[in-house]
């Protein structure tokens, strides 16, 4: 088993970037989801309500995030000095607004008043305490620093679909190859390269999986979520992939070997 591919998402719910390696910091993958979009109520905005966000490309250059907004052009995301409190799911977190130029272009593109916000180093948003007793932090990711998925599970899912999809629908950070389909149901911990990970819980999936990353629209037949719901439904919801936390800083690279510790039973049977 080894790392097949890696992704970072500089802005929550915008297009991700496939990379050959990434550094790990306290938040998770460096530069991952430190930026987010909020509405006029300072509530987080995602492709769940605005699938057109999938069409906004992101780029990293020496740690600087750029967004390429269709019809508007490319803009650097630069933190301003104005602080705010923003909501992501049940959490209210301290952030700073981004400079107005990129936010104005985003608002024109979406036809709504949106703003980019940045999570500074001093913000501490805690990983879900009911799942992780350690006092661990997370960025604007939904709940955990990492999502690990299994290439063989995607391939098995695609045998059930009329039209094959790619892994971008599931927005993973780390994609594993060399495992059997749905083996990840039993994974409890892993060593990827030199870094240890705890696999905390299966990742429950939502309507975002129905957004075509190349078109920015939801599928009318609600696939692949509808198909997953016929055989991947558990007490955690309709699942694909595993949420994880890392036990140390380091670097993860494509091709890194993976060793696992597993449980004895599967959760989706």
C-alpha atoms as a PDB file:
ATOM      1  CA  UNK A   1       0.000   0.000   0.000  1.00  0.00           C
ATOM      2  CA  UNK A   2       1.139   3.493  -0.780  1.00  0.00           C
ATOM      3  CA  UNK A   3      -0.017   7.060  -1.309  1.00  0.00           C
ATOM      4  CA  UNK A   4      -1.625   7.346  -4.740  1.00  0.00           C
ATOM      5  CA  UNK A   5      -2.371  11.086  -4.711  1.00  0.00           C
ATOM      6  CA  UNK A   6      -2.560  14.134  -2.445  1.00  0.00           C
ATOM      7  CA  UNK A   7      -4.801  17.212  -2.414  1.00  0.00           C
ATOM      8  CA  UNK A   8      -4.947  20.508  -0.576  1.00  0.00           C
ATOM      9  CA  UNK A   9      -7.862  22.941  -0.519  1.00  0.00           C
ATOM     10  CA  UNK A  10      -6.616  26.468   0.232  1.00  0.00           C
ATOM     11  CA  UNK A  11     -10.202  27.797   0.357  1.00  0.00           C
ATOM     12  CA  UNK A  12     -13.012  25.723   1.825  1.00  0.00           C
ATOM     13  CA  UNK A  13     -15.366  24.507  -0.939  1.00  0.00           C
ATOM     14  CA  UNK A  14     -13.379  25.907  -3.866  1.00  0.00           C
ATOM     15  CA  UNK A  15     -11.467  23.669  -6.273  1.00  0.00           C
ATOM     16  CA  UNK A  16      -8.574  21.811  -4.701  1.00  0.00           C
ATOM     17  CA  UNK A  17      -5.009  21.384  -5.890  1.00  0.00           C
ATOM     18  CA  UNK A  18      -3.415  18.009  -6.598  1.00  0.00           C
ATOM     19  CA  UNK A  19       0.155  18.048  -5.277  1.00  0.00           C
ATOM     20  CA  UNK A  20       3.106  15.673  -5.107  1.00  0.00           C
ATOM     21  CA  UNK A  21       3.719  16.368  -1.399  1.00  0.00           C
ATOM     22  CA  UNK A  22       2.604  18.561   1.460  1.00  0.00           C
ATOM     23  CA  UNK A  23       3.934  19.635   4.821  1.00  0.00           C
ATOM     24  CA  UNK A  24       1.965  19.016   8.007  1.00  0.00           C
ATOM     25  CA  UNK A  25       1.433  21.654  10.665  1.00  0.00           C
ATOM     26  CA  UNK A  26      -0.835  21.839  13.713  1.00  0.00           C
ATOM     27  CA  UNK A  27      -3.898  22.450  11.541  1.00  0.00           C
ATOM     28  CA  UNK A  28      -3.250  19.480   9.216  1.00  0.00           C
ATOM     29  CA  UNK A  29      -1.916  19.812   5.657  1.00  0.00           C
ATOM     30  CA  UNK A  30      -0.175  23.183   5.444  1.00  0.00           C
ATOM     31  CA  UNK A  31      -2.355  25.819   3.715  1.00  0.00           C
ATOM     32  CA  UNK A  32      -5.445  23.594   3.814  1.00  0.00           C
ATOM     33  CA  UNK A  33      -8.758  25.421   4.367  1.00  0.00           C
ATOM     34  CA  UNK A  34      -7.297  28.365   6.206  1.00  0.00           C
ATOM     35  CA  UNK A  35      -9.556  30.486   3.979  1.00  0.00           C
ATOM     36  CA  UNK A  36     -13.341  30.240   3.828  1.00  0.00           C
ATOM     37  CA  UNK A  37     -16.315  32.072   2.311  1.00  0.00           C
ATOM     38  CA  UNK A  38     -19.024  33.591   4.503  1.00  0.00           C
ATOM     39  CA  UNK A  39     -22.333  35.319   3.797  1.00  0.00           C
ATOM     40  CA  UNK A  40     -23.688  38.549   5.268  1.00  0.00           C
ATOM     41  CA  UNK A  41     -24.512  36.706   8.512  1.00  0.00           C
ATOM     42  CA  UNK A  42     -20.929  35.425   8.747  1.00  0.00           C
ATOM     43  CA  UNK A  43     -22.136  31.864   8.139  1.00  0.00           C
ATOM     44  CA  UNK A  44     -19.946  29.549   6.062  1.00  0.00           C
ATOM     45  CA  UNK A  45     -20.852  29.028   2.395  1.00  0.00           C
ATOM     46  CA  UNK A  46     -20.128  25.831   0.452  1.00  0.00           C
ATOM     47  CA  UNK A  47     -21.005  23.987  -2.734  1.00  0.00           C
ATOM     48  CA  UNK A  48     -23.992  22.516  -0.900  1.00  0.00           C
ATOM     49  CA  UNK A  49     -25.870  25.749  -1.572  1.00  0.00           C
ATOM     50  CA  UNK A  50     -23.618  27.223  -4.283  1.00  0.00           C
ATOM     51  CA  UNK A  51     -22.289  24.458  -6.568  1.00  0.00           C
ATOM     52  CA  UNK A  52     -20.799  27.090  -8.888  1.00  0.00           C
ATOM     53  CA  UNK A  53     -17.993  27.500  -6.333  1.00  0.00           C
ATOM     54  CA  UNK A  54     -16.478  24.316  -7.800  1.00  0.00           C
ATOM     55  CA  UNK A  55     -15.501  26.350 -10.864  1.00  0.00           C
ATOM     56  CA  UNK A  56     -13.266  28.744  -8.905  1.00  0.00           C
ATOM     57  CA  UNK A  57      -9.710  27.467  -9.214  1.00  0.00           C
ATOM     58  CA  UNK A  58      -7.101  27.954  -6.507  1.00  0.00           C
ATOM     59  CA  UNK A  59      -3.337  28.287  -6.757  1.00  0.00           C
ATOM     60  CA  UNK A  60      -0.514  28.366  -4.216  1.00  0.00           C
ATOM     61  CA  UNK A  61       2.676  30.294  -4.878  1.00  0.00           C
ATOM     62  CA  UNK A  62       5.239  30.473  -2.056  1.00  0.00           C
ATOM     63  CA  UNK A  63       2.454  30.183   0.518  1.00  0.00           C
ATOM     64  CA  UNK A  64       0.307  32.865  -1.152  1.00  0.00           C
ATOM     65  CA  UNK A  65      -3.212  31.789  -2.166  1.00  0.00           C
ATOM     66  CA  UNK A  66      -4.696  32.942  -5.475  1.00  0.00           C
ATOM     67  CA  UNK A  67      -8.253  32.399  -6.714  1.00  0.00           C
ATOM     68  CA  UNK A  68      -9.286  32.411 -10.374  1.00  0.00           C
ATOM     69  CA  UNK A  69     -12.938  33.466 -10.556  1.00  0.00           C
ATOM     70  CA  UNK A  70     -14.694  32.816 -13.902  1.00  0.00           C
ATOM     71  CA  UNK A  71     -15.347  36.041 -15.750  1.00  0.00           C
ATOM     72  CA  UNK A  72     -13.485  38.086 -13.137  1.00  0.00           C
ATOM     73  CA  UNK A  73      -9.839  36.995 -13.273  1.00  0.00           C
ATOM     74  CA  UNK A  74      -7.251  35.931 -10.721  1.00  0.00           C
ATOM     75  CA  UNK A  75      -6.911  37.583  -7.331  1.00  0.00           C
ATOM     76  CA  UNK A  76      -4.526  37.107  -4.403  1.00  0.00           C
ATOM     77  CA  UNK A  77      -6.213  36.440  -1.064  1.00  0.00           C
ATOM     78  CA  UNK A  78      -4.760  38.893   1.427  1.00  0.00           C
ATOM     79  CA  UNK A  79      -5.871  39.132   5.070  1.00  0.00           C
ATOM     80  CA  UNK A  80      -7.066  42.579   6.127  1.00  0.00           C
ATOM     81  CA  UNK A  81      -6.897  43.863   9.710  1.00  0.00           C
ATOM     82  CA  UNK A  82     -10.636  43.717  10.520  1.00  0.00           C
ATOM     83  CA  UNK A  83     -11.429  40.827  12.850  1.00  0.00           C
ATOM     84  CA  UNK A  84     -14.717  38.947  12.902  1.00  0.00           C
ATOM     85  CA  UNK A  85     -16.302  35.821  14.306  1.00  0.00           C
ATOM     86  CA  UNK A  86     -17.535  33.341  11.730  1.00  0.00           C
ATOM     87  CA  UNK A  87     -19.566  30.188  11.925  1.00  0.00           C
ATOM     88  CA  UNK A  88     -18.627  26.811  10.460  1.00  0.00           C
ATOM     89  CA  UNK A  89     -21.176  24.173  11.436  1.00  0.00           C
ATOM     90  CA  UNK A  90     -21.693  24.558  15.204  1.00  0.00           C
ATOM     91  CA  UNK A  91     -18.443  26.422  15.830  1.00  0.00           C
ATOM     92  CA  UNK A  92     -17.909  30.164  16.018  1.00  0.00           C
ATOM     93  CA  UNK A  93     -14.259  30.969  15.334  1.00  0.00           C
ATOM     94  CA  UNK A  94     -12.150  34.105  15.248  1.00  0.00           C
ATOM     95  CA  UNK A  95     -11.120  35.147  11.742  1.00  0.00           C
ATOM     96  CA  UNK A  96     -10.064  38.206   9.777  1.00  0.00           C
ATOM     97  CA  UNK A  97     -11.713  39.461   6.622  1.00  0.00           C
ATOM     98  CA  UNK A  98      -9.856  39.288   3.345  1.00  0.00           C
ATOM     99  CA  UNK A  99      -9.232  42.440   1.347  1.00  0.00           C
ATOM    100  CA  UNK A 100     -12.290  43.662  -0.546  1.00  0.00           C
ATOM    101  CA  UNK A 101     -11.228  43.235  -4.180  1.00  0.00           C
ATOM    102  CA  UNK A 102     -11.406  39.437  -4.283  1.00  0.00           C
ATOM    103  CA  UNK A 103     -14.601  39.370  -2.201  1.00  0.00           C
ATOM    104  CA  UNK A 104     -16.294  41.858  -4.547  1.00  0.00           C
ATOM    105  CA  UNK A 105     -15.404  39.702  -7.558  1.00  0.00           C
ATOM    106  CA  UNK A 106     -16.708  36.605  -5.766  1.00  0.00           C
ATOM    107  CA  UNK A 107     -19.978  38.367  -4.956  1.00  0.00           C
ATOM    108  CA  UNK A 108     -20.455  39.398  -8.585  1.00  0.00           C
ATOM    109  CA  UNK A 109     -19.803  35.858  -9.760  1.00  0.00           C
ATOM    110  CA  UNK A 110     -22.246  34.268  -7.286  1.00  0.00           C
ATOM    111  CA  UNK A 111     -24.848  37.055  -7.379  1.00  0.00           C
ATOM    112  CA  UNK A 112     -24.787  37.257  -3.578  1.00  0.00           C
ATOM    113  CA  UNK A 113     -22.818  39.221  -1.014  1.00  0.00           C
ATOM    114  CA  UNK A 114     -19.987  36.982   0.111  1.00  0.00           C
ATOM    115  CA  UNK A 115     -16.615  37.612   1.737  1.00  0.00           C
ATOM    116  CA  UNK A 116     -13.391  35.690   2.061  1.00  0.00           C
ATOM    117  CA  UNK A 117     -12.177  35.181   5.641  1.00  0.00           C
ATOM    118  CA  UNK A 118      -8.880  33.840   6.968  1.00  0.00           C
ATOM    119  CA  UNK A 119      -8.117  31.785  10.078  1.00  0.00           C
ATOM    120  CA  UNK A 120      -5.019  33.267  11.760  1.00  0.00           C
ATOM    121  CA  UNK A 121      -2.503  31.283  13.782  1.00  0.00           C
ATOM    122  CA  UNK A 122      -3.965  32.388  17.122  1.00  0.00           C
ATOM    123  CA  UNK A 123      -7.397  30.924  16.346  1.00  0.00           C
ATOM    124  CA  UNK A 124      -7.970  27.559  18.002  1.00  0.00           C
ATOM    125  CA  UNK A 125     -10.943  25.640  16.632  1.00  0.00           C
ATOM    126  CA  UNK A 126     -11.114  22.296  18.347  1.00  0.00           C
ATOM    127  CA  UNK A 127     -11.517  18.931  16.647  1.00  0.00           C
ATOM    128  CA  UNK A 128     -14.825  17.346  17.697  1.00  0.00           C
ATOM    129  CA  UNK A 129     -14.390  16.600  21.410  1.00  0.00           C
ATOM    130  CA  UNK A 130     -16.808  13.668  21.390  1.00  0.00           C
ATOM    131  CA  UNK A 131     -14.482  11.865  18.972  1.00  0.00           C
ATOM    132  CA  UNK A 132     -11.016  13.086  20.004  1.00  0.00           C
ATOM    133  CA  UNK A 133     -10.327  13.640  23.693  1.00  0.00           C
ATOM    134  CA  UNK A 134      -6.967  15.304  23.025  1.00  0.00           C
ATOM    135  CA  UNK A 135      -7.075  19.073  22.687  1.00  0.00           C
ATOM    136  CA  UNK A 136      -6.420  19.140  18.930  1.00  0.00           C
ATOM    137  CA  UNK A 137      -7.068  21.917  16.459  1.00  0.00           C
ATOM    138  CA  UNK A 138      -8.524  22.022  12.965  1.00  0.00           C
ATOM    139  CA  UNK A 139      -8.821  24.689  10.294  1.00  0.00           C
ATOM    140  CA  UNK A 140     -12.098  25.487   8.491  1.00  0.00           C
ATOM    141  CA  UNK A 141     -12.342  21.833   7.400  1.00  0.00           C
ATOM    142  CA  UNK A 142     -15.691  20.294   8.326  1.00  0.00           C
ATOM    143  CA  UNK A 143     -14.426  18.579  11.470  1.00  0.00           C
ATOM    144  CA  UNK A 144     -11.056  16.882  11.157  1.00  0.00           C
ATOM    145  CA  UNK A 145      -7.668  17.744   9.661  1.00  0.00           C
ATOM    146  CA  UNK A 146      -7.566  14.863   7.146  1.00  0.00           C
ATOM    147  CA  UNK A 147      -9.812  12.823   4.901  1.00  0.00           C
ATOM    148  CA  UNK A 148      -8.236   9.583   3.696  1.00  0.00           C
ATOM    149  CA  UNK A 149      -9.892   7.654   0.848  1.00  0.00           C
ATOM    150  CA  UNK A 150      -9.229   4.349  -0.914  1.00  0.00           C
ATOM    151  CA  UNK A 151      -8.852   4.196  -4.702  1.00  0.00           C
ATOM    152  CA  UNK A 152     -10.216   0.629  -4.827  1.00  0.00           C
ATOM    153  CA  UNK A 153     -13.443   1.738  -3.117  1.00  0.00           C
ATOM    154  CA  UNK A 154     -14.001   4.383  -5.801  1.00  0.00           C
ATOM    155  CA  UNK A 155     -13.388   1.781  -8.486  1.00  0.00           C
ATOM    156  CA  UNK A 156     -15.937  -0.548  -6.891  1.00  0.00           C
ATOM    157  CA  UNK A 157     -18.484   2.270  -6.636  1.00  0.00           C
ATOM    158  CA  UNK A 158     -17.970   3.111 -10.295  1.00  0.00           C
ATOM    159  CA  UNK A 159     -18.983  -0.438 -11.300  1.00  0.00           C
ATOM    160  CA  UNK A 160     -22.434   0.390  -9.899  1.00  0.00           C
ATOM    161  CA  UNK A 161     -22.838   3.795 -11.579  1.00  0.00           C
ATOM    162  CA  UNK A 162     -24.008   4.506 -15.139  1.00  0.00           C
ATOM    163  CA  UNK A 163     -21.314   7.191 -15.441  1.00  0.00           C
ATOM    164  CA  UNK A 164     -17.982   6.874 -13.665  1.00  0.00           C
ATOM    165  CA  UNK A 165     -16.839   9.670 -11.351  1.00  0.00           C
ATOM    166  CA  UNK A 166     -13.389  10.615 -10.130  1.00  0.00           C
ATOM    167  CA  UNK A 167     -12.074  11.046  -6.600  1.00  0.00           C
ATOM    168  CA  UNK A 168     -12.442  14.823  -6.663  1.00  0.00           C
ATOM    169  CA  UNK A 169     -16.132  14.361  -5.780  1.00  0.00           C
ATOM    170  CA  UNK A 170     -15.044  13.283  -2.282  1.00  0.00           C
ATOM    171  CA  UNK A 171     -12.414  15.992  -1.666  1.00  0.00           C
ATOM    172  CA  UNK A 172      -9.794  13.810   0.046  1.00  0.00           C
ATOM    173  CA  UNK A 173      -6.394  14.894   1.292  1.00  0.00           C
ATOM    174  CA  UNK A 174      -4.756  11.469   0.967  1.00  0.00           C
ATOM    175  CA  UNK A 175      -5.748   8.766  -1.532  1.00  0.00           C
ATOM    176  CA  UNK A 176      -4.483   5.233  -0.872  1.00  0.00           C
ATOM    177  CA  UNK A 177      -3.763   2.552  -3.464  1.00  0.00           C
ATOM    178  CA  UNK A 178      -2.990  -1.114  -2.947  1.00  0.00           C
ATOM    179  CA  UNK A 179      -5.834  -1.868  -0.513  1.00  0.00           C
ATOM    180  CA  UNK A 180      -9.009  -3.825  -1.214  1.00  0.00           C
ATOM    181  CA  UNK A 181     -12.331  -2.077  -1.758  1.00  0.00           C
ATOM    182  CA  UNK A 182     -13.808  -0.836   1.533  1.00  0.00           C
ATOM    183  CA  UNK A 183     -10.864  -2.144   3.574  1.00  0.00           C
ATOM    184  CA  UNK A 184     -10.752   1.310   5.147  1.00  0.00           C
ATOM    185  CA  UNK A 185     -13.822   0.419   7.218  1.00  0.00           C
ATOM    186  CA  UNK A 186     -11.467  -1.520   9.502  1.00  0.00           C
ATOM    187  CA  UNK A 187      -8.572   0.918   9.697  1.00  0.00           C
ATOM    188  CA  UNK A 188      -7.885   2.419  13.112  1.00  0.00           C
ATOM    189  CA  UNK A 189      -4.377   3.810  12.695  1.00  0.00           C
ATOM    190  CA  UNK A 190      -1.815   4.159   9.953  1.00  0.00           C
ATOM    191  CA  UNK A 191       1.770   5.150   9.367  1.00  0.00           C
ATOM    192  CA  UNK A 192       2.190   7.070   6.141  1.00  0.00           C
ATOM    193  CA  UNK A 193       5.849   7.566   5.425  1.00  0.00           C
ATOM    194  CA  UNK A 194       7.233   8.663   8.794  1.00  0.00           C
ATOM    195  CA  UNK A 195       3.984  10.104  10.167  1.00  0.00           C
ATOM    196  CA  UNK A 196       1.452   8.282  12.356  1.00  0.00           C
ATOM    197  CA  UNK A 197      -2.284   8.897  11.903  1.00  0.00           C
ATOM    198  CA  UNK A 198      -5.310   7.952  13.978  1.00  0.00           C
ATOM    199  CA  UNK A 199      -8.350   7.188  11.863  1.00  0.00           C
ATOM    200  CA  UNK A 200     -11.130   8.632  13.973  1.00  0.00           C
ATOM    201  CA  UNK A 201     -14.388   7.848  12.171  1.00  0.00           C
ATOM    202  CA  UNK A 202     -15.979   7.111   8.807  1.00  0.00           C
ATOM    203  CA  UNK A 203     -16.729  10.263   6.840  1.00  0.00           C
ATOM    204  CA  UNK A 204     -20.432  10.854   6.287  1.00  0.00           C
ATOM    205  CA  UNK A 205     -21.205  12.202   2.832  1.00  0.00           C
ATOM    206  CA  UNK A 206     -23.653  14.853   1.669  1.00  0.00           C
ATOM    207  CA  UNK A 207     -25.021  16.482  -1.468  1.00  0.00           C
ATOM    208  CA  UNK A 208     -21.600  17.958  -2.286  1.00  0.00           C
ATOM    209  CA  UNK A 209     -20.644  14.579  -3.751  1.00  0.00           C
ATOM    210  CA  UNK A 210     -23.263  15.199  -6.471  1.00  0.00           C
ATOM    211  CA  UNK A 211     -21.512  18.363  -7.718  1.00  0.00           C
ATOM    212  CA  UNK A 212     -19.615  17.851 -10.964  1.00  0.00           C
ATOM    213  CA  UNK A 213     -16.207  19.470 -10.316  1.00  0.00           C
ATOM    214  CA  UNK A 214     -15.814  20.298 -14.023  1.00  0.00           C
ATOM    215  CA  UNK A 215     -19.272  21.831 -14.508  1.00  0.00           C
ATOM    216  CA  UNK A 216     -20.185  23.312 -11.137  1.00  0.00           C
ATOM    217  CA  UNK A 217     -23.684  21.800 -11.138  1.00  0.00           C
ATOM    218  CA  UNK A 218     -25.373  19.055  -9.128  1.00  0.00           C
ATOM    219  CA  UNK A 219     -26.306  15.821 -10.858  1.00  0.00           C
ATOM    220  CA  UNK A 220     -30.043  15.570 -11.458  1.00  0.00           C
ATOM    221  CA  UNK A 221     -30.034  11.902 -10.408  1.00  0.00           C
ATOM    222  CA  UNK A 222     -28.209  12.696  -7.132  1.00  0.00           C
ATOM    223  CA  UNK A 223     -25.404  10.297  -7.948  1.00  0.00           C
ATOM    224  CA  UNK A 224     -23.173   9.009  -6.459  1.00  0.00           C
ATOM    225  CA  UNK A 225     -24.904   9.806  -3.154  1.00  0.00           C
ATOM    226  CA  UNK A 226     -28.038   7.849  -4.046  1.00  0.00           C
ATOM    227  CA  UNK A 227     -26.071   4.718  -4.926  1.00  0.00           C
ATOM    228  CA  UNK A 228     -23.876   4.976  -1.836  1.00  0.00           C
ATOM    229  CA  UNK A 229     -27.039   5.189   0.240  1.00  0.00           C
ATOM    230  CA  UNK A 230     -28.122   1.742  -0.932  1.00  0.00           C
ATOM    231  CA  UNK A 231     -25.125  -0.055   0.585  1.00  0.00           C
ATOM    232  CA  UNK A 232     -22.913   2.351   2.541  1.00  0.00           C
ATOM    233  CA  UNK A 233     -25.376   3.601   5.150  1.00  0.00           C
ATOM    234  CA  UNK A 234     -24.282   3.286   8.799  1.00  0.00           C
ATOM    235  CA  UNK A 235     -24.931   4.966  12.138  1.00  0.00           C
ATOM    236  CA  UNK A 236     -22.493   7.663  10.943  1.00  0.00           C
ATOM    237  CA  UNK A 237     -24.563   8.294   7.803  1.00  0.00           C
ATOM    238  CA  UNK A 238     -23.761   7.448   4.192  1.00  0.00           C
ATOM    239  CA  UNK A 239     -20.012   6.938   4.321  1.00  0.00           C
ATOM    240  CA  UNK A 240     -17.019   7.127   2.031  1.00  0.00           C
ATOM    241  CA  UNK A 241     -13.485   7.565   3.390  1.00  0.00           C
ATOM    242  CA  UNK A 242     -12.110   8.045   6.876  1.00  0.00           C
ATOM    243  CA  UNK A 243     -11.570  11.191   8.938  1.00  0.00           C
ATOM    244  CA  UNK A 244      -8.144  11.262  10.573  1.00  0.00           C
ATOM    245  CA  UNK A 245      -5.780  13.238  12.777  1.00  0.00           C
ATOM    246  CA  UNK A 246      -1.986  13.222  12.601  1.00  0.00           C
ATOM    247  CA  UNK A 247       0.286  12.537  15.536  1.00  0.00           C
ATOM    248  CA  UNK A 248       3.266  14.658  14.457  1.00  0.00           C
ATOM    249  CA  UNK A 249       4.441  17.208  11.920  1.00  0.00           C
ATOM    250  CA  UNK A 250       6.313  16.030   8.843  1.00  0.00           C
ATOM    251  CA  UNK A 251       5.948  15.666   5.095  1.00  0.00           C
ATOM    252  CA  UNK A 252       3.696  13.317   3.118  1.00  0.00           C
ATOM    253  CA  UNK A 253       4.657  12.419  -0.461  1.00  0.00           C
ATOM    254  CA  UNK A 254       3.038  10.541  -3.315  1.00  0.00           C
ATOM    255  CA  UNK A 255       4.472   7.022  -3.245  1.00  0.00           C
ATOM    256  CA  UNK A 256       5.040   6.962   0.526  1.00  0.00           C
ATOM    257  CA  UNK A 257       4.485   3.459   1.951  1.00  0.00           C
ATOM    258  CA  UNK A 258       1.493   2.895   4.238  1.00  0.00           C
ATOM    259  CA  UNK A 259       1.194   0.409   7.080  1.00  0.00           C
ATOM    260  CA  UNK A 260      -2.055  -0.130   8.964  1.00  0.00           C
ATOM    261  CA  UNK A 261      -3.597  -1.405  12.162  1.00  0.00           C
ATOM    262  CA  UNK A 262      -7.123  -2.769  11.686  1.00  0.00           C
ATOM    263  CA  UNK A 263     -10.140  -3.849  13.687  1.00  0.00           C
ATOM    264  CA  UNK A 264     -11.716  -7.259  13.373  1.00  0.00           C
ATOM    265  CA  UNK A 265     -15.118  -6.307  11.951  1.00  0.00           C
ATOM    266  CA  UNK A 266     -16.502  -4.029   9.264  1.00  0.00           C
ATOM    267  CA  UNK A 267     -18.973  -1.315  10.072  1.00  0.00           C
ATOM    268  CA  UNK A 268     -21.002  -1.308   6.853  1.00  0.00           C
ATOM    269  CA  UNK A 269     -22.128  -4.932   6.841  1.00  0.00           C
END
